[in-house]
Amino acid sequence: DLKVIVAGNNAELIELLRQGKADFAAASLINHILPDRQLLIAPTHQWLTFHLVYRNGGERPAHLEEILPEKIHIAGDSIPSTLMDFLQVNHPELQWEIHPELNTQDLLARIESGAIAYTITDSNELIIARNIHPEIRPALTVGPPLRLAWAFRRNDHDLSLVQEAQVFQTTEFESGN
């Protein structure tokens, strides 16, 4: 029987896998950010891009430096640490505020209400959020595209689920889905 568990965020998803409460996770997981060796990953044929988001009618920056003196607000685990490191190294003048208690949708609602000016979100979250928050807009893409992955609880004795997932991913990709 299939049992679907909805996790609140990626950290909770990974913990469910570690604890053996889930066999695999198919969510917005980035291929190279999975944190430990208890997991196996199966890269998908999908990629995410990350976008600086602002409110329609606000200043649309052409470059990250143009947002100063505003801060970029980030939900707890919404962007991979590798992207955050990349942005901090390449744009040390930017100011960040991390909100571990909020998710991306919370911050996008704050963008729409005008409570904050900028956040960064992935392309999938942005597509979903534009239906709920029609006044949010992508300003620019930040960082390189990152490949999505499915995560599996490691079971070196039986890799059939991982193998079936890879077959599924390849079939979907080849069919154009």
N, C-alpha and C. Protein backbone atom coordinates (compact mmCIF):
# COMPACT_ATOMS: atom_id res chain seq x y z
N ASP A 1 0.83 -1.18 0.00
CA ASP A 1 0.00 0.00 0.00
C ASP A 1 0.87 1.24 0.00
N LEU A 2 0.42 2.24 -0.72
CA LEU A 2 1.12 3.52 -0.77
C LEU A 2 0.61 4.41 0.35
N LYS A 3 1.54 4.93 1.12
CA LYS A 3 1.21 5.88 2.17
C LYS A 3 2.00 7.15 1.88
N VAL A 4 1.31 8.27 1.75
CA VAL A 4 1.95 9.55 1.46
C VAL A 4 2.03 10.36 2.75
N ILE A 5 3.22 10.85 3.03
CA ILE A 5 3.46 11.69 4.20
C ILE A 5 3.87 13.06 3.69
N VAL A 6 3.22 14.09 4.19
CA VAL A 6 3.59 15.45 3.81
C VAL A 6 4.46 16.03 4.91
N ALA A 7 5.68 16.39 4.55
CA ALA A 7 6.61 16.98 5.52
C ALA A 7 6.52 18.49 5.44
N GLY A 8 6.82 19.15 6.54
CA GLY A 8 6.76 20.60 6.60
C GLY A 8 7.88 21.29 5.84
N ASN A 9 9.04 20.62 5.77
CA ASN A 9 10.18 21.21 5.07
C ASN A 9 11.18 20.09 4.75
N ASN A 10 12.24 20.43 4.05
CA ASN A 10 13.21 19.43 3.63
C ASN A 10 13.92 18.78 4.81
N ALA A 11 14.20 19.53 5.86
CA ALA A 11 14.87 18.97 7.03
C ALA A 11 14.00 17.88 7.66
N GLU A 12 12.71 18.14 7.76
CA GLU A 12 11.80 17.14 8.32
C GLU A 12 11.72 15.92 7.40
N LEU A 13 11.73 16.15 6.11
CA LEU A 13 11.71 15.07 5.13
C LEU A 13 12.91 14.15 5.29
N ILE A 14 14.08 14.75 5.40
CA ILE A 14 15.31 13.98 5.57
C ILE A 14 15.26 13.19 6.89
N GLU A 15 14.75 13.81 7.93
CA GLU A 15 14.66 13.13 9.23
C GLU A 15 13.71 11.93 9.16
N LEU A 16 12.60 12.05 8.44
CA LEU A 16 11.69 10.92 8.27
C LEU A 16 12.39 9.75 7.58
N LEU A 17 13.23 10.06 6.61
CA LEU A 17 14.00 9.01 5.94
C LEU A 17 15.00 8.36 6.90
N ARG A 18 15.74 9.17 7.61
CA ARG A 18 16.73 8.66 8.57
C ARG A 18 16.10 7.74 9.61
N GLN A 19 14.92 8.12 10.09
CA GLN A 19 14.24 7.36 11.14
C GLN A 19 13.53 6.12 10.61
N GLY A 20 13.54 5.94 9.29
CA GLY A 20 12.87 4.78 8.72
C GLY A 20 11.36 4.93 8.64
N LYS A 21 10.85 6.15 8.78
CA LYS A 21 9.40 6.38 8.70
C LYS A 21 8.94 6.61 7.26
N ALA A 22 9.91 6.71 6.35
CA ALA A 22 9.61 6.84 4.92
C ALA A 22 10.69 6.08 4.15
N ASP A 23 10.30 5.59 2.99
CA ASP A 23 11.26 4.85 2.16
C ASP A 23 11.94 5.75 1.13
N PHE A 24 11.20 6.74 0.63
CA PHE A 24 11.82 7.68 -0.29
C PHE A 24 11.11 9.02 -0.25
N ALA A 25 11.79 10.01 -0.75
CA ALA A 25 11.25 11.38 -0.79
C ALA A 25 11.38 11.92 -2.20
N ALA A 26 10.29 12.38 -2.73
CA ALA A 26 10.28 13.00 -4.05
C ALA A 26 9.79 14.43 -3.86
N ALA A 27 10.72 15.31 -3.61
CA ALA A 27 10.38 16.71 -3.34
C ALA A 27 11.46 17.58 -3.95
N SER A 28 11.48 18.83 -3.61
CA SER A 28 12.48 19.76 -4.15
C SER A 28 13.81 19.60 -3.43
N LEU A 29 14.38 18.41 -3.50
CA LEU A 29 15.68 18.15 -2.91
C LEU A 29 16.75 18.38 -3.97
N ILE A 30 17.80 19.03 -3.58
CA ILE A 30 18.90 19.30 -4.50
C ILE A 30 19.88 18.14 -4.42
N ASN A 31 20.33 17.70 -5.57
CA ASN A 31 21.18 16.51 -5.68
C ASN A 31 22.34 16.50 -4.71
N HIS A 32 23.07 17.58 -4.55
CA HIS A 32 24.30 17.55 -3.76
C HIS A 32 24.17 18.10 -2.34
N ILE A 33 22.95 18.32 -1.84
CA ILE A 33 22.85 18.86 -0.48
C ILE A 33 22.38 17.83 0.53
N LEU A 34 22.15 16.60 0.10
CA LEU A 34 21.70 15.61 1.07
C LEU A 34 22.79 15.38 2.09
N PRO A 35 22.44 15.39 3.38
CA PRO A 35 23.44 15.58 4.42
C PRO A 35 24.21 14.36 4.92
N ASP A 36 23.84 13.13 4.58
CA ASP A 36 24.55 12.03 5.22
C ASP A 36 24.54 10.77 4.37
N ARG A 37 25.26 9.78 4.89
CA ARG A 37 25.43 8.53 4.16
C ARG A 37 24.33 7.52 4.47
N GLN A 38 23.34 7.90 5.25
CA GLN A 38 22.20 7.01 5.50
C GLN A 38 21.25 7.01 4.31
N LEU A 39 21.51 7.90 3.36
CA LEU A 39 20.60 8.08 2.25
C LEU A 39 21.29 7.78 0.92
N LEU A 40 20.49 7.38 -0.05
CA LEU A 40 20.92 7.25 -1.44
C LEU A 40 20.15 8.29 -2.23
N ILE A 41 20.74 8.79 -3.28
CA ILE A 41 20.02 9.74 -4.11
C ILE A 41 19.91 9.20 -5.54
N ALA A 42 18.84 9.57 -6.17
CA ALA A 42 18.63 9.27 -7.58
C ALA A 42 18.35 10.60 -8.26
N PRO A 43 19.31 11.11 -9.01
CA PRO A 43 19.07 12.38 -9.69
C PRO A 43 17.89 12.26 -10.66
N THR A 44 17.16 13.32 -10.77
CA THR A 44 16.05 13.36 -11.73
C THR A 44 16.54 14.09 -12.98
N HIS A 45 15.64 14.22 -13.92
CA HIS A 45 15.95 14.97 -15.14
C HIS A 45 15.39 16.39 -15.04
N GLN A 46 15.14 16.83 -13.81
CA GLN A 46 14.60 18.16 -13.58
C GLN A 46 15.64 19.04 -12.91
N TRP A 47 15.56 20.31 -13.21
CA TRP A 47 16.49 21.30 -12.66
C TRP A 47 15.69 22.42 -12.02
N LEU A 48 16.26 23.00 -10.99
CA LEU A 48 15.68 24.19 -10.35
C LEU A 48 16.57 25.39 -10.61
N THR A 49 15.93 26.52 -10.76
CA THR A 49 16.66 27.78 -10.73
C THR A 49 16.14 28.55 -9.53
N PHE A 50 16.94 29.45 -9.03
CA PHE A 50 16.55 30.25 -7.87
C PHE A 50 16.43 31.70 -8.30
N HIS A 51 15.40 32.36 -7.75
CA HIS A 51 15.07 33.72 -8.19
C HIS A 51 14.95 34.68 -7.01
N LEU A 52 15.47 35.88 -7.21
CA LEU A 52 15.19 36.96 -6.28
C LEU A 52 13.77 37.42 -6.61
N VAL A 53 12.91 37.50 -5.59
CA VAL A 53 11.51 37.83 -5.79
C VAL A 53 11.20 39.16 -5.11
N TYR A 54 10.38 39.96 -5.79
CA TYR A 54 9.95 41.26 -5.26
C TYR A 54 8.46 41.43 -5.52
N ARG A 55 7.89 42.54 -5.07
CA ARG A 55 6.46 42.82 -5.25
C ARG A 55 6.25 43.67 -6.50
N ASN A 56 5.24 43.29 -7.27
CA ASN A 56 4.85 44.07 -8.44
C ASN A 56 4.62 45.53 -8.03
N GLY A 57 5.20 46.44 -8.79
CA GLY A 57 5.10 47.86 -8.46
C GLY A 57 6.31 48.36 -7.69
N GLY A 58 7.09 47.45 -7.14
CA GLY A 58 8.32 47.83 -6.44
C GLY A 58 9.47 47.98 -7.41
N GLU A 59 10.62 48.32 -6.88
CA GLU A 59 11.82 48.45 -7.70
C GLU A 59 12.28 47.07 -8.14
N ARG A 60 12.37 46.87 -9.45
CA ARG A 60 12.88 45.59 -9.97
C ARG A 60 14.37 45.74 -10.21
N PRO A 61 15.18 45.11 -9.37
CA PRO A 61 16.63 45.23 -9.55
C PRO A 61 17.10 44.42 -10.76
N ALA A 62 18.09 44.95 -11.45
CA ALA A 62 18.72 44.22 -12.55
C ALA A 62 19.91 43.42 -12.06
N HIS A 63 20.44 43.83 -10.89
CA HIS A 63 21.59 43.16 -10.26
C HIS A 63 21.32 43.09 -8.76
N LEU A 64 21.89 42.10 -8.12
CA LEU A 64 21.68 41.94 -6.68
C LEU A 64 22.09 43.16 -5.88
N GLU A 65 23.16 43.81 -6.29
CA GLU A 65 23.66 44.96 -5.53
C GLU A 65 22.65 46.10 -5.49
N GLU A 66 21.72 46.14 -6.43
CA GLU A 66 20.75 47.22 -6.50
C GLU A 66 19.68 47.16 -5.41
N ILE A 67 19.64 46.09 -4.63
CA ILE A 67 18.61 46.01 -3.58
C ILE A 67 19.01 46.73 -2.31
N LEU A 68 20.29 47.07 -2.19
CA LEU A 68 20.77 47.73 -0.98
C LEU A 68 20.05 49.04 -0.76
N PRO A 69 19.69 49.38 0.45
CA PRO A 69 20.06 48.80 1.74
C PRO A 69 19.11 47.71 2.23
N GLU A 70 18.17 47.26 1.39
CA GLU A 70 17.23 46.22 1.81
C GLU A 70 17.94 44.90 2.08
N LYS A 71 17.32 44.07 2.91
CA LYS A 71 17.82 42.73 3.20
C LYS A 71 17.13 41.72 2.29
N ILE A 72 17.76 40.57 2.14
CA ILE A 72 17.11 39.42 1.50
C ILE A 72 16.66 38.51 2.64
N HIS A 73 15.39 38.20 2.66
CA HIS A 73 14.82 37.34 3.69
C HIS A 73 14.77 35.91 3.16
N ILE A 74 15.26 34.96 3.98
CA ILE A 74 15.36 33.56 3.57
C ILE A 74 14.63 32.68 4.58
N ALA A 75 13.77 31.79 4.07
CA ALA A 75 13.12 30.81 4.94
C ALA A 75 14.15 29.76 5.33
N GLY A 76 13.95 29.16 6.51
CA GLY A 76 14.89 28.22 7.12
C GLY A 76 15.75 27.39 6.20
N ASP A 77 15.18 26.44 5.46
CA ASP A 77 15.99 25.58 4.61
C ASP A 77 15.57 25.70 3.15
N SER A 78 15.16 26.89 2.75
CA SER A 78 14.59 27.07 1.42
C SER A 78 15.62 27.12 0.29
N ILE A 79 16.85 27.47 0.61
CA ILE A 79 17.87 27.44 -0.44
C ILE A 79 19.05 26.62 0.05
N PRO A 80 19.69 25.91 -0.87
CA PRO A 80 20.82 25.06 -0.45
C PRO A 80 21.98 25.88 0.09
N SER A 81 22.69 25.29 1.03
CA SER A 81 23.82 25.99 1.64
C SER A 81 24.88 26.33 0.60
N THR A 82 25.02 25.51 -0.43
CA THR A 82 26.01 25.81 -1.48
C THR A 82 25.64 27.09 -2.22
N LEU A 83 24.36 27.32 -2.45
CA LEU A 83 23.93 28.55 -3.11
C LEU A 83 24.13 29.74 -2.18
N MET A 84 23.79 29.57 -0.91
CA MET A 84 23.98 30.65 0.06
C MET A 84 25.46 31.02 0.15
N ASP A 85 26.32 30.01 0.23
CA ASP A 85 27.77 30.27 0.27
C ASP A 85 28.23 31.01 -0.97
N PHE A 86 27.76 30.57 -2.13
CA PHE A 86 28.10 31.21 -3.40
C PHE A 86 27.70 32.69 -3.38
N LEU A 87 26.49 32.97 -2.94
CA LEU A 87 26.00 34.35 -2.92
C LEU A 87 26.76 35.20 -1.91
N GLN A 88 27.08 34.65 -0.75
CA GLN A 88 27.80 35.41 0.26
C GLN A 88 29.23 35.71 -0.18
N VAL A 89 29.86 34.78 -0.88
CA VAL A 89 31.22 35.01 -1.37
C VAL A 89 31.23 36.03 -2.50
N ASN A 90 30.28 35.91 -3.42
CA ASN A 90 30.25 36.77 -4.60
C ASN A 90 29.56 38.12 -4.37
N HIS A 91 28.81 38.22 -3.30
CA HIS A 91 28.09 39.47 -2.98
C HIS A 91 28.17 39.74 -1.48
N PRO A 92 29.38 39.97 -0.96
CA PRO A 92 29.54 40.12 0.50
C PRO A 92 28.82 41.34 1.06
N GLU A 93 28.47 42.30 0.23
CA GLU A 93 27.81 43.50 0.71
C GLU A 93 26.33 43.29 1.02
N LEU A 94 25.76 42.19 0.55
CA LEU A 94 24.34 41.94 0.79
C LEU A 94 24.07 41.59 2.25
N GLN A 95 22.87 41.96 2.69
CA GLN A 95 22.45 41.65 4.06
C GLN A 95 21.35 40.60 3.99
N TRP A 96 21.43 39.63 4.92
CA TRP A 96 20.52 38.51 4.93
C TRP A 96 19.79 38.45 6.27
N GLU A 97 18.55 38.00 6.23
CA GLU A 97 17.85 37.67 7.45
C GLU A 97 17.23 36.29 7.25
N ILE A 98 17.69 35.34 8.06
CA ILE A 98 17.20 33.96 7.98
C ILE A 98 16.04 33.80 8.95
N HIS A 99 14.97 33.17 8.49
CA HIS A 99 13.76 32.95 9.29
C HIS A 99 13.53 31.45 9.43
N PRO A 100 14.16 30.80 10.43
CA PRO A 100 14.02 29.34 10.55
C PRO A 100 12.59 28.88 10.83
N GLU A 101 11.78 29.77 11.40
CA GLU A 101 10.41 29.40 11.75
C GLU A 101 9.42 29.57 10.60
N LEU A 102 9.86 30.16 9.49
CA LEU A 102 8.97 30.42 8.36
C LEU A 102 9.33 29.54 7.17
N ASN A 103 8.34 29.32 6.30
CA ASN A 103 8.62 28.63 5.05
C ASN A 103 8.57 29.65 3.90
N THR A 104 8.88 29.18 2.73
CA THR A 104 8.94 30.07 1.56
C THR A 104 7.61 30.75 1.31
N GLN A 105 6.52 30.00 1.44
CA GLN A 105 5.20 30.59 1.19
C GLN A 105 4.90 31.72 2.17
N ASP A 106 5.35 31.58 3.41
CA ASP A 106 5.17 32.65 4.40
C ASP A 106 5.88 33.93 3.94
N LEU A 107 7.11 33.77 3.46
CA LEU A 107 7.87 34.95 3.02
C LEU A 107 7.28 35.55 1.76
N LEU A 108 6.78 34.72 0.86
CA LEU A 108 6.16 35.25 -0.36
C LEU A 108 4.88 36.02 -0.02
N ALA A 109 4.15 35.57 0.99
CA ALA A 109 2.97 36.33 1.44
C ALA A 109 3.40 37.68 2.00
N ARG A 110 4.53 37.71 2.69
CA ARG A 110 5.05 38.97 3.23
C ARG A 110 5.53 39.90 2.12
N ILE A 111 6.06 39.33 1.05
CA ILE A 111 6.43 40.15 -0.12
C ILE A 111 5.17 40.80 -0.67
N GLU A 112 4.14 39.98 -0.88
CA GLU A 112 2.91 40.51 -1.47
C GLU A 112 2.27 41.58 -0.60
N SER A 113 2.32 41.42 0.71
CA SER A 113 1.72 42.41 1.61
C SER A 113 2.57 43.67 1.74
N GLY A 114 3.82 43.61 1.28
CA GLY A 114 4.71 44.75 1.41
C GLY A 114 5.50 44.77 2.71
N ALA A 115 5.37 43.73 3.53
CA ALA A 115 6.07 43.68 4.82
C ALA A 115 7.59 43.53 4.63
N ILE A 116 8.00 42.83 3.58
CA ILE A 116 9.42 42.71 3.24
C ILE A 116 9.57 42.99 1.75
N ALA A 117 10.77 43.31 1.33
CA ALA A 117 10.99 43.68 -0.07
C ALA A 117 11.47 42.53 -0.95
N TYR A 118 12.32 41.63 -0.39
CA TYR A 118 12.95 40.61 -1.24
C TYR A 118 13.10 39.27 -0.52
N THR A 119 12.97 38.21 -1.29
CA THR A 119 13.34 36.88 -0.84
C THR A 119 13.91 36.14 -2.04
N ILE A 120 14.42 34.94 -1.78
CA ILE A 120 14.88 34.07 -2.85
C ILE A 120 14.08 32.78 -2.75
N THR A 121 13.58 32.33 -3.89
CA THR A 121 12.83 31.08 -3.93
C THR A 121 13.18 30.30 -5.18
N ASP A 122 12.89 29.00 -5.14
CA ASP A 122 13.18 28.19 -6.32
C ASP A 122 12.05 28.30 -7.33
N SER A 123 12.34 27.90 -8.55
CA SER A 123 11.41 28.05 -9.66
C SER A 123 10.10 27.29 -9.44
N ASN A 124 10.14 26.12 -8.83
CA ASN A 124 8.91 25.37 -8.58
C ASN A 124 8.03 26.08 -7.57
N GLU A 125 8.61 26.55 -6.48
CA GLU A 125 7.84 27.30 -5.46
C GLU A 125 7.23 28.56 -6.07
N LEU A 126 7.99 29.21 -6.93
CA LEU A 126 7.53 30.45 -7.54
C LEU A 126 6.31 30.21 -8.43
N ILE A 127 6.34 29.13 -9.21
CA ILE A 127 5.21 28.81 -10.08
C ILE A 127 3.95 28.59 -9.26
N ILE A 128 4.07 27.81 -8.19
CA ILE A 128 2.92 27.54 -7.32
C ILE A 128 2.44 28.82 -6.65
N ALA A 129 3.38 29.60 -6.14
CA ALA A 129 3.04 30.80 -5.37
C ALA A 129 2.37 31.88 -6.22
N ARG A 130 2.70 31.96 -7.49
CA ARG A 130 2.10 33.02 -8.33
C ARG A 130 0.59 32.87 -8.42
N ASN A 131 0.08 31.65 -8.25
CA ASN A 131 -1.38 31.44 -8.25
C ASN A 131 -2.01 31.98 -6.97
N ILE A 132 -1.28 31.91 -5.88
CA ILE A 132 -1.80 32.34 -4.58
C ILE A 132 -1.49 33.82 -4.32
N HIS A 133 -0.32 34.24 -4.77
CA HIS A 133 0.16 35.61 -4.55
C HIS A 133 0.44 36.26 -5.90
N PRO A 134 -0.59 36.77 -6.58
CA PRO A 134 -0.40 37.27 -7.95
C PRO A 134 0.49 38.51 -8.07
N GLU A 135 0.79 39.17 -6.97
CA GLU A 135 1.60 40.39 -7.06
C GLU A 135 3.11 40.14 -6.92
N ILE A 136 3.51 38.91 -6.67
CA ILE A 136 4.95 38.64 -6.58
C ILE A 136 5.53 38.46 -7.98
N ARG A 137 6.79 38.85 -8.13
CA ARG A 137 7.44 38.78 -9.43
C ARG A 137 8.89 38.33 -9.26
N PRO A 138 9.39 37.53 -10.21
CA PRO A 138 10.83 37.22 -10.20
C PRO A 138 11.60 38.42 -10.76
N ALA A 139 12.62 38.83 -10.06
CA ALA A 139 13.44 39.95 -10.53
C ALA A 139 14.59 39.44 -11.39
N LEU A 140 15.29 38.44 -10.87
CA LEU A 140 16.43 37.90 -11.59
C LEU A 140 16.78 36.52 -11.05
N THR A 141 17.48 35.76 -11.85
CA THR A 141 17.95 34.44 -11.45
C THR A 141 19.25 34.61 -10.69
N VAL A 142 19.38 33.87 -9.58
CA VAL A 142 20.60 33.94 -8.78
C VAL A 142 21.25 32.56 -8.74
N GLY A 143 22.52 32.50 -9.00
CA GLY A 143 23.25 31.24 -8.95
C GLY A 143 22.96 30.35 -10.15
N PRO A 144 23.67 29.25 -10.22
CA PRO A 144 23.49 28.31 -11.33
C PRO A 144 22.28 27.41 -11.11
N PRO A 145 21.74 26.81 -12.19
CA PRO A 145 20.67 25.82 -12.02
C PRO A 145 21.20 24.63 -11.23
N LEU A 146 20.33 24.02 -10.42
CA LEU A 146 20.71 22.86 -9.61
C LEU A 146 19.77 21.70 -9.92
N ARG A 147 20.34 20.51 -10.00
CA ARG A 147 19.58 19.32 -10.34
C ARG A 147 18.80 18.80 -9.13
N LEU A 148 17.54 18.45 -9.37
CA LEU A 148 16.72 17.84 -8.32
C LEU A 148 17.07 16.38 -8.15
N ALA A 149 16.74 15.85 -6.99
CA ALA A 149 16.99 14.44 -6.72
C ALA A 149 15.86 13.87 -5.87
N TRP A 150 15.69 12.58 -5.96
CA TRP A 150 14.85 11.85 -5.02
C TRP A 150 15.78 11.20 -4.02
N ALA A 151 15.39 11.17 -2.78
CA ALA A 151 16.21 10.58 -1.73
C ALA A 151 15.56 9.28 -1.24
N PHE A 152 16.42 8.31 -0.94
CA PHE A 152 15.97 7.01 -0.47
C PHE A 152 16.71 6.63 0.80
N ARG A 153 16.01 5.95 1.69
CA ARG A 153 16.68 5.40 2.86
C ARG A 153 17.61 4.30 2.36
N ARG A 154 18.86 4.33 2.80
CA ARG A 154 19.86 3.38 2.31
C ARG A 154 19.51 1.96 2.77
N ASN A 155 19.48 1.08 1.79
CA ASN A 155 19.31 -0.35 2.04
C ASN A 155 20.20 -1.06 1.03
N ASP A 156 21.43 -1.35 1.41
CA ASP A 156 22.41 -1.93 0.49
C ASP A 156 22.03 -3.34 0.04
N HIS A 157 21.08 -3.98 0.73
CA HIS A 157 20.68 -5.34 0.38
C HIS A 157 19.58 -5.37 -0.65
N ASP A 158 18.85 -4.26 -0.81
CA ASP A 158 17.75 -4.22 -1.76
C ASP A 158 17.68 -2.84 -2.39
N LEU A 159 18.17 -2.74 -3.60
CA LEU A 159 18.18 -1.46 -4.32
C LEU A 159 17.05 -1.37 -5.34
N SER A 160 16.07 -2.27 -5.24
CA SER A 160 15.02 -2.33 -6.26
C SER A 160 14.19 -1.04 -6.34
N LEU A 161 13.91 -0.41 -5.22
CA LEU A 161 13.12 0.82 -5.24
C LEU A 161 13.90 1.94 -5.95
N VAL A 162 15.18 2.05 -5.67
CA VAL A 162 16.02 3.06 -6.33
C VAL A 162 16.08 2.78 -7.83
N GLN A 163 16.26 1.50 -8.19
CA GLN A 163 16.34 1.13 -9.60
C GLN A 163 15.03 1.43 -10.32
N GLU A 164 13.90 1.13 -9.69
CA GLU A 164 12.61 1.42 -10.30
C GLU A 164 12.39 2.92 -10.45
N ALA A 165 12.85 3.69 -9.48
CA ALA A 165 12.73 5.15 -9.58
C ALA A 165 13.56 5.68 -10.75
N GLN A 166 14.74 5.13 -10.95
CA GLN A 166 15.58 5.56 -12.07
C GLN A 166 14.94 5.20 -13.40
N VAL A 167 14.33 4.02 -13.49
CA VAL A 167 13.61 3.62 -14.71
C VAL A 167 12.45 4.58 -14.95
N PHE A 168 11.70 4.89 -13.89
CA PHE A 168 10.58 5.83 -14.01
C PHE A 168 11.05 7.18 -14.50
N GLN A 169 12.11 7.71 -13.89
CA GLN A 169 12.63 9.02 -14.28
C GLN A 169 13.06 9.03 -15.74
N THR A 170 13.73 7.99 -16.18
CA THR A 170 14.20 7.93 -17.56
C THR A 170 13.01 7.83 -18.52
N THR A 171 12.01 7.02 -18.18
CA THR A 171 10.83 6.87 -19.02
C THR A 171 10.09 8.21 -19.14
N GLU A 172 9.94 8.90 -18.02
CA GLU A 172 9.26 10.20 -18.04
C GLU A 172 10.03 11.22 -18.88
N PHE A 173 11.34 11.23 -18.72
CA PHE A 173 12.17 12.16 -19.48
C PHE A 173 12.07 11.88 -20.98
N GLU A 174 12.19 10.61 -21.34
CA GLU A 174 12.15 10.24 -22.76
C GLU A 174 10.78 10.48 -23.38
N SER A 175 9.73 10.44 -22.58
CA SER A 175 8.37 10.68 -23.12
C SER A 175 8.04 12.18 -23.18
N GLY A 176 8.94 13.01 -22.62
CA GLY A 176 8.72 14.46 -22.66
C GLY A 176 7.92 14.99 -21.49
N ASN A 177 7.62 14.17 -20.51
CA ASN A 177 6.86 14.63 -19.35
C ASN A 177 7.74 15.32 -18.35
